[in-house]
């Protein structure tokens, strides 16, 4: 299990997506967290597979995770695989009864599987799907908008996962930055999504390093 920092580009200047993404990677980002919203599961729209594919054409090596905040994640699997996505993270809430099937679909398309839970979803519901997943994402804000306040009351979910699945990759997303990273690390999160705290920082490298060292400090005891 490793500490990994994945900046969310949602708050970046999307007209400069390649330049902003490349800068984040040069400043120490371990992966890029790409927020895909459909205007249905969440009210906002962002971008789809054509934009991801264009970004992949310029950034060959980086690990891309798409966070699919969409009502029908099964419809985007093949196109995101074709776009060069490494991990396809989708929400279980809109696909009750289809989670295992979509996990297999994602795996067969050659991508890693991430399962995401909204704040109102009990963590235990994901238990039966953990053998099918590579990572569990605990949302620490309501999905769909950047810049929200961190929900500290989500940390018991992270701790429950870490206590029960010591080697599982556990990601947190929403309101995570220097002021909230200790709570995430202490609860057991090892994959950290941070948007505005990194994107808008005067020194991105300094913030990424701080987040990573905080998580590594807990992992290494």
C-alpha atoms as a PDB file:
ATOM      1  CA  UNK A   1       0.000   0.000   0.000  1.00  0.00           C
ATOM      2  CA  UNK A   2       1.411   3.358  -1.050  1.00  0.00           C
ATOM      3  CA  UNK A   3       0.521   6.976  -0.488  1.00  0.00           C
ATOM      4  CA  UNK A   4      -0.639   8.521  -3.754  1.00  0.00           C
ATOM      5  CA  UNK A   5      -1.743  12.071  -4.455  1.00  0.00           C
ATOM      6  CA  UNK A   6      -4.134  12.613  -7.362  1.00  0.00           C
ATOM      7  CA  UNK A   7      -5.053  16.224  -8.044  1.00  0.00           C
ATOM      8  CA  UNK A   8      -8.552  16.816  -9.350  1.00  0.00           C
ATOM      9  CA  UNK A   9      -8.416  19.019 -12.415  1.00  0.00           C
ATOM     10  CA  UNK A  10     -12.022  20.157 -11.937  1.00  0.00           C
ATOM     11  CA  UNK A  11     -10.853  23.551 -10.658  1.00  0.00           C
ATOM     12  CA  UNK A  12      -8.108  23.945 -13.248  1.00  0.00           C
ATOM     13  CA  UNK A  13      -8.304  26.199 -16.280  1.00  0.00           C
ATOM     14  CA  UNK A  14      -9.873  23.691 -18.656  1.00  0.00           C
ATOM     15  CA  UNK A  15      -8.827  25.764 -21.660  1.00  0.00           C
ATOM     16  CA  UNK A  16      -5.262  24.929 -20.609  1.00  0.00           C
ATOM     17  CA  UNK A  17      -5.963  21.331 -19.608  1.00  0.00           C
ATOM     18  CA  UNK A  18      -2.754  19.799 -20.937  1.00  0.00           C
ATOM     19  CA  UNK A  19      -0.529  22.546 -19.538  1.00  0.00           C
ATOM     20  CA  UNK A  20      -2.237  22.434 -16.138  1.00  0.00           C
ATOM     21  CA  UNK A  21      -2.110  18.627 -16.011  1.00  0.00           C
ATOM     22  CA  UNK A  22       1.537  18.507 -17.051  1.00  0.00           C
ATOM     23  CA  UNK A  23       2.389  21.087 -14.401  1.00  0.00           C
ATOM     24  CA  UNK A  24       0.698  18.973 -11.719  1.00  0.00           C
ATOM     25  CA  UNK A  25       2.666  15.905 -12.769  1.00  0.00           C
ATOM     26  CA  UNK A  26       5.920  17.864 -12.837  1.00  0.00           C
ATOM     27  CA  UNK A  27       5.126  19.040  -9.313  1.00  0.00           C
ATOM     28  CA  UNK A  28       4.852  15.501  -7.989  1.00  0.00           C
ATOM     29  CA  UNK A  29       1.307  14.274  -8.621  1.00  0.00           C
ATOM     30  CA  UNK A  30       1.117  10.470  -8.663  1.00  0.00           C
ATOM     31  CA  UNK A  31      -1.980  10.365 -10.869  1.00  0.00           C
ATOM     32  CA  UNK A  32      -4.669  12.594 -12.366  1.00  0.00           C
ATOM     33  CA  UNK A  33      -8.249  12.427 -11.085  1.00  0.00           C
ATOM     34  CA  UNK A  34     -10.619  13.311 -13.932  1.00  0.00           C
ATOM     35  CA  UNK A  35     -14.160  14.217 -12.864  1.00  0.00           C
ATOM     36  CA  UNK A  36     -16.782  13.210 -15.422  1.00  0.00           C
ATOM     37  CA  UNK A  37     -20.301  14.536 -14.761  1.00  0.00           C
ATOM     38  CA  UNK A  38     -23.400  13.913 -16.867  1.00  0.00           C
ATOM     39  CA  UNK A  39     -25.869  16.520 -15.638  1.00  0.00           C
ATOM     40  CA  UNK A  40     -28.140  13.743 -14.346  1.00  0.00           C
ATOM     41  CA  UNK A  41     -26.490  11.908 -11.455  1.00  0.00           C
ATOM     42  CA  UNK A  42     -25.086  15.288 -10.473  1.00  0.00           C
ATOM     43  CA  UNK A  43     -26.357  18.646 -11.743  1.00  0.00           C
ATOM     44  CA  UNK A  44     -23.136  19.750 -13.400  1.00  0.00           C
ATOM     45  CA  UNK A  45     -21.560  18.832 -16.731  1.00  0.00           C
ATOM     46  CA  UNK A  46     -17.811  18.582 -17.222  1.00  0.00           C
ATOM     47  CA  UNK A  47     -16.206  16.639 -20.081  1.00  0.00           C
ATOM     48  CA  UNK A  48     -16.289  13.202 -21.647  1.00  0.00           C
ATOM     49  CA  UNK A  49     -14.055  10.700 -23.376  1.00  0.00           C
ATOM     50  CA  UNK A  50     -13.031  12.940 -26.343  1.00  0.00           C
ATOM     51  CA  UNK A  51     -11.331  15.369 -23.943  1.00  0.00           C
ATOM     52  CA  UNK A  52      -9.734  12.521 -21.980  1.00  0.00           C
ATOM     53  CA  UNK A  53      -8.443  11.009 -25.224  1.00  0.00           C
ATOM     54  CA  UNK A  54      -6.934  14.319 -26.314  1.00  0.00           C
ATOM     55  CA  UNK A  55      -5.208  14.620 -22.956  1.00  0.00           C
ATOM     56  CA  UNK A  56      -3.887  11.060 -23.213  1.00  0.00           C
ATOM     57  CA  UNK A  57      -2.472  11.806 -26.651  1.00  0.00           C
ATOM     58  CA  UNK A  58      -0.263  14.454 -25.047  1.00  0.00           C
ATOM     59  CA  UNK A  59       0.410  12.729 -21.708  1.00  0.00           C
ATOM     60  CA  UNK A  60       1.512   9.185 -22.481  1.00  0.00           C
ATOM     61  CA  UNK A  61       2.678   7.801 -19.149  1.00  0.00           C
ATOM     62  CA  UNK A  62       0.570   9.227 -16.311  1.00  0.00           C
ATOM     63  CA  UNK A  63      -2.062   7.165 -14.489  1.00  0.00           C
ATOM     64  CA  UNK A  64      -5.541   8.458 -15.339  1.00  0.00           C
ATOM     65  CA  UNK A  65      -8.482   7.812 -13.022  1.00  0.00           C
ATOM     66  CA  UNK A  66     -11.901   8.873 -14.229  1.00  0.00           C
ATOM     67  CA  UNK A  67     -14.422   9.532 -11.475  1.00  0.00           C
ATOM     68  CA  UNK A  68     -17.686   8.774 -13.248  1.00  0.00           C
ATOM     69  CA  UNK A  69     -20.412  10.847 -11.621  1.00  0.00           C
ATOM     70  CA  UNK A  70     -22.948   9.554 -14.119  1.00  0.00           C
ATOM     71  CA  UNK A  71     -26.285   7.763 -14.020  1.00  0.00           C
ATOM     72  CA  UNK A  72     -25.332   5.015 -16.455  1.00  0.00           C
ATOM     73  CA  UNK A  73     -21.646   4.213 -15.991  1.00  0.00           C
ATOM     74  CA  UNK A  74     -21.933   1.064 -18.084  1.00  0.00           C
ATOM     75  CA  UNK A  75     -22.428   3.209 -21.194  1.00  0.00           C
ATOM     76  CA  UNK A  76     -19.019   4.870 -20.934  1.00  0.00           C
ATOM     77  CA  UNK A  77     -16.755   1.915 -20.202  1.00  0.00           C
ATOM     78  CA  UNK A  78     -15.609   1.117 -23.731  1.00  0.00           C
ATOM     79  CA  UNK A  79     -15.105   4.741 -24.767  1.00  0.00           C
ATOM     80  CA  UNK A  80     -13.057   5.543 -21.661  1.00  0.00           C
ATOM     81  CA  UNK A  81     -10.945   2.432 -22.159  1.00  0.00           C
ATOM     82  CA  UNK A  82     -10.359   3.561 -25.736  1.00  0.00           C
ATOM     83  CA  UNK A  83      -9.415   7.014 -24.428  1.00  0.00           C
ATOM     84  CA  UNK A  84      -6.576   5.475 -22.398  1.00  0.00           C
ATOM     85  CA  UNK A  85      -8.066   5.530 -18.904  1.00  0.00           C
ATOM     86  CA  UNK A  86      -6.271   3.351 -16.329  1.00  0.00           C
ATOM     87  CA  UNK A  87      -8.913   3.234 -13.605  1.00  0.00           C
ATOM     88  CA  UNK A  88     -12.657   3.608 -14.002  1.00  0.00           C
ATOM     89  CA  UNK A  89     -14.306   4.683 -10.752  1.00  0.00           C
ATOM     90  CA  UNK A  90     -18.095   4.698 -10.723  1.00  0.00           C
ATOM     91  CA  UNK A  91     -20.798   5.302  -8.139  1.00  0.00           C
ATOM     92  CA  UNK A  92     -22.787   2.354  -6.887  1.00  0.00           C
ATOM     93  CA  UNK A  93     -25.900   4.406  -6.054  1.00  0.00           C
ATOM     94  CA  UNK A  94     -27.452   4.666  -9.539  1.00  0.00           C
ATOM     95  CA  UNK A  95     -26.713   1.055 -10.534  1.00  0.00           C
ATOM     96  CA  UNK A  96     -28.175  -1.039  -7.733  1.00  0.00           C
ATOM     97  CA  UNK A  97     -28.153  -4.680  -8.792  1.00  0.00           C
ATOM     98  CA  UNK A  98     -25.675  -4.032 -11.603  1.00  0.00           C
ATOM     99  CA  UNK A  99     -22.508  -3.281  -9.641  1.00  0.00           C
ATOM    100  CA  UNK A 100     -20.858  -6.686 -10.078  1.00  0.00           C
ATOM    101  CA  UNK A 101     -21.710  -6.768 -13.778  1.00  0.00           C
ATOM    102  CA  UNK A 102     -20.202  -3.325 -14.376  1.00  0.00           C
ATOM    103  CA  UNK A 103     -17.096  -4.246 -12.361  1.00  0.00           C
ATOM    104  CA  UNK A 104     -16.552  -7.184 -14.704  1.00  0.00           C
ATOM    105  CA  UNK A 105     -17.214  -4.976 -17.731  1.00  0.00           C
ATOM    106  CA  UNK A 106     -14.581  -2.479 -16.586  1.00  0.00           C
ATOM    107  CA  UNK A 107     -12.062  -5.249 -15.880  1.00  0.00           C
ATOM    108  CA  UNK A 108     -12.644  -6.874 -19.260  1.00  0.00           C
ATOM    109  CA  UNK A 109     -12.047  -3.497 -20.924  1.00  0.00           C
ATOM    110  CA  UNK A 110      -8.571  -3.492 -19.383  1.00  0.00           C
ATOM    111  CA  UNK A 111      -9.071  -0.911 -16.651  1.00  0.00           C
ATOM    112  CA  UNK A 112      -8.840  -1.053 -12.872  1.00  0.00           C
ATOM    113  CA  UNK A 113     -12.099  -0.852 -10.940  1.00  0.00           C
ATOM    114  CA  UNK A 114     -12.970   1.859  -8.446  1.00  0.00           C
ATOM    115  CA  UNK A 115     -16.233   2.000  -6.507  1.00  0.00           C
ATOM    116  CA  UNK A 116     -17.433   5.347  -5.144  1.00  0.00           C
ATOM    117  CA  UNK A 117     -19.830   6.071  -2.283  1.00  0.00           C
ATOM    118  CA  UNK A 118     -21.748   9.305  -1.713  1.00  0.00           C
ATOM    119  CA  UNK A 119     -21.797  10.701   1.844  1.00  0.00           C
ATOM    120  CA  UNK A 120     -25.287   9.350   2.497  1.00  0.00           C
ATOM    121  CA  UNK A 121     -24.414   5.770   1.486  1.00  0.00           C
ATOM    122  CA  UNK A 122     -23.539   3.335   4.262  1.00  0.00           C
ATOM    123  CA  UNK A 123     -20.071   1.867   3.820  1.00  0.00           C
ATOM    124  CA  UNK A 124     -21.223  -1.692   4.527  1.00  0.00           C
ATOM    125  CA  UNK A 125     -23.119  -1.844   1.226  1.00  0.00           C
ATOM    126  CA  UNK A 126     -19.814  -2.061  -0.633  1.00  0.00           C
ATOM    127  CA  UNK A 127     -18.616  -5.092   1.325  1.00  0.00           C
ATOM    128  CA  UNK A 128     -19.812  -7.711  -1.155  1.00  0.00           C
ATOM    129  CA  UNK A 129     -18.110  -5.937  -4.058  1.00  0.00           C
ATOM    130  CA  UNK A 130     -14.663  -5.404  -2.553  1.00  0.00           C
ATOM    131  CA  UNK A 131     -13.291  -8.641  -4.070  1.00  0.00           C
ATOM    132  CA  UNK A 132     -14.202  -7.207  -7.496  1.00  0.00           C
ATOM    133  CA  UNK A 133     -12.653  -3.768  -6.931  1.00  0.00           C
ATOM    134  CA  UNK A 134      -9.163  -2.312  -6.813  1.00  0.00           C
ATOM    135  CA  UNK A 135     -10.141   0.761  -4.822  1.00  0.00           C
ATOM    136  CA  UNK A 136     -12.979   2.255  -2.795  1.00  0.00           C
ATOM    137  CA  UNK A 137     -13.621   6.001  -2.934  1.00  0.00           C
ATOM    138  CA  UNK A 138     -15.264   7.629   0.067  1.00  0.00           C
ATOM    139  CA  UNK A 139     -16.660  11.014  -0.930  1.00  0.00           C
ATOM    140  CA  UNK A 140     -15.997  13.663   1.700  1.00  0.00           C
ATOM    141  CA  UNK A 141     -18.337  16.155   0.024  1.00  0.00           C
ATOM    142  CA  UNK A 142     -21.483  15.745  -2.041  1.00  0.00           C
ATOM    143  CA  UNK A 143     -20.350  14.892  -5.584  1.00  0.00           C
ATOM    144  CA  UNK A 144     -20.823  17.408  -8.335  1.00  0.00           C
ATOM    145  CA  UNK A 145     -19.183  20.634  -7.197  1.00  0.00           C
ATOM    146  CA  UNK A 146     -15.671  21.730  -6.374  1.00  0.00           C
ATOM    147  CA  UNK A 147     -14.721  23.856  -3.384  1.00  0.00           C
ATOM    148  CA  UNK A 148     -17.052  22.322  -0.795  1.00  0.00           C
ATOM    149  CA  UNK A 149     -16.263  21.966   2.890  1.00  0.00           C
ATOM    150  CA  UNK A 150     -14.686  18.692   4.030  1.00  0.00           C
ATOM    151  CA  UNK A 151     -17.077  16.338   5.854  1.00  0.00           C
ATOM    152  CA  UNK A 152     -15.111  14.968   8.791  1.00  0.00           C
ATOM    153  CA  UNK A 153     -17.978  12.656   9.715  1.00  0.00           C
ATOM    154  CA  UNK A 154     -17.057  10.470   6.720  1.00  0.00           C
ATOM    155  CA  UNK A 155     -13.835   9.362   8.424  1.00  0.00           C
ATOM    156  CA  UNK A 156     -15.461   6.416  10.283  1.00  0.00           C
ATOM    157  CA  UNK A 157     -16.216   4.911   6.858  1.00  0.00           C
ATOM    158  CA  UNK A 158     -12.558   5.140   5.907  1.00  0.00           C
ATOM    159  CA  UNK A 159     -11.505   3.664   9.232  1.00  0.00           C
ATOM    160  CA  UNK A 160     -13.981   0.777   8.876  1.00  0.00           C
ATOM    161  CA  UNK A 161     -12.549  -0.075   5.466  1.00  0.00           C
ATOM    162  CA  UNK A 162      -8.934   0.144   6.672  1.00  0.00           C
ATOM    163  CA  UNK A 163      -9.636  -1.947   9.768  1.00  0.00           C
ATOM    164  CA  UNK A 164     -11.348  -4.658   7.740  1.00  0.00           C
ATOM    165  CA  UNK A 165      -9.239  -4.518   4.567  1.00  0.00           C
ATOM    166  CA  UNK A 166      -5.679  -3.560   5.553  1.00  0.00           C
ATOM    167  CA  UNK A 167      -4.258  -3.746   2.023  1.00  0.00           C
ATOM    168  CA  UNK A 168      -7.123  -2.044   0.170  1.00  0.00           C
ATOM    169  CA  UNK A 169      -6.548   1.189  -1.721  1.00  0.00           C
ATOM    170  CA  UNK A 170      -8.890   3.720  -0.087  1.00  0.00           C
ATOM    171  CA  UNK A 171      -9.406   7.106  -1.708  1.00  0.00           C
ATOM    172  CA  UNK A 172     -10.952  10.281  -0.302  1.00  0.00           C
ATOM    173  CA  UNK A 173     -12.232  13.138  -2.439  1.00  0.00           C
ATOM    174  CA  UNK A 174     -13.669  16.488  -1.454  1.00  0.00           C
ATOM    175  CA  UNK A 175     -12.347  19.368   0.615  1.00  0.00           C
ATOM    176  CA  UNK A 176      -9.011  17.653   1.188  1.00  0.00           C
ATOM    177  CA  UNK A 177      -5.982  19.857   1.731  1.00  0.00           C
ATOM    178  CA  UNK A 178      -3.304  20.698   4.305  1.00  0.00           C
ATOM    179  CA  UNK A 179      -5.922  21.444   6.978  1.00  0.00           C
ATOM    180  CA  UNK A 180      -7.794  18.147   6.579  1.00  0.00           C
ATOM    181  CA  UNK A 181      -5.149  15.669   5.416  1.00  0.00           C
ATOM    182  CA  UNK A 182      -4.316  14.493   8.951  1.00  0.00           C
ATOM    183  CA  UNK A 183      -7.885  13.315   9.526  1.00  0.00           C
ATOM    184  CA  UNK A 184      -7.824  11.402   6.222  1.00  0.00           C
ATOM    185  CA  UNK A 185      -4.421   9.846   6.847  1.00  0.00           C
ATOM    186  CA  UNK A 186      -5.198   8.859  10.420  1.00  0.00           C
ATOM    187  CA  UNK A 187      -8.454   7.210   9.339  1.00  0.00           C
ATOM    188  CA  UNK A 188      -6.554   5.115   6.806  1.00  0.00           C
ATOM    189  CA  UNK A 189      -6.884   6.771   3.398  1.00  0.00           C
ATOM    190  CA  UNK A 190      -3.869   6.248   1.156  1.00  0.00           C
ATOM    191  CA  UNK A 191      -5.109   7.751  -2.128  1.00  0.00           C
ATOM    192  CA  UNK A 192      -5.776  11.454  -1.779  1.00  0.00           C
ATOM    193  CA  UNK A 193      -7.744  13.534  -4.247  1.00  0.00           C
ATOM    194  CA  UNK A 194      -7.247  17.251  -3.749  1.00  0.00           C
ATOM    195  CA  UNK A 195      -8.601  19.935  -6.035  1.00  0.00           C
ATOM    196  CA  UNK A 196      -8.486  23.613  -5.201  1.00  0.00           C
ATOM    197  CA  UNK A 197      -5.972  23.170  -2.351  1.00  0.00           C
ATOM    198  CA  UNK A 198      -3.398  22.054  -4.936  1.00  0.00           C
ATOM    199  CA  UNK A 199      -4.579  23.786  -8.109  1.00  0.00           C
ATOM    200  CA  UNK A 200      -4.775  27.234  -6.524  1.00  0.00           C
ATOM    201  CA  UNK A 201      -1.673  26.896  -4.350  1.00  0.00           C
ATOM    202  CA  UNK A 202       1.193  29.331  -4.868  1.00  0.00           C
ATOM    203  CA  UNK A 203       3.511  26.333  -4.619  1.00  0.00           C
ATOM    204  CA  UNK A 204       1.822  23.161  -5.880  1.00  0.00           C
ATOM    205  CA  UNK A 205       4.865  20.995  -5.254  1.00  0.00           C
ATOM    206  CA  UNK A 206       5.006  22.048  -1.612  1.00  0.00           C
ATOM    207  CA  UNK A 207       1.340  21.146  -1.044  1.00  0.00           C
ATOM    208  CA  UNK A 208       1.600  17.794  -2.854  1.00  0.00           C
ATOM    209  CA  UNK A 209       4.714  16.934  -0.830  1.00  0.00           C
ATOM    210  CA  UNK A 210       2.996  17.854   2.436  1.00  0.00           C
ATOM    211  CA  UNK A 211      -0.043  15.708   1.652  1.00  0.00           C
ATOM    212  CA  UNK A 212       2.078  12.743   0.641  1.00  0.00           C
ATOM    213  CA  UNK A 213       4.440  12.904   3.609  1.00  0.00           C
ATOM    214  CA  UNK A 214       1.490  13.108   6.001  1.00  0.00           C
ATOM    215  CA  UNK A 215      -0.026   9.897   4.584  1.00  0.00           C
ATOM    216  CA  UNK A 216       3.341   8.155   4.416  1.00  0.00           C
ATOM    217  CA  UNK A 217       3.952   9.026   8.058  1.00  0.00           C
ATOM    218  CA  UNK A 218       0.823   7.109   9.085  1.00  0.00           C
ATOM    219  CA  UNK A 219       1.465   4.175   6.738  1.00  0.00           C
ATOM    220  CA  UNK A 220       5.039   3.769   7.957  1.00  0.00           C
ATOM    221  CA  UNK A 221       4.021   4.209  11.582  1.00  0.00           C
END
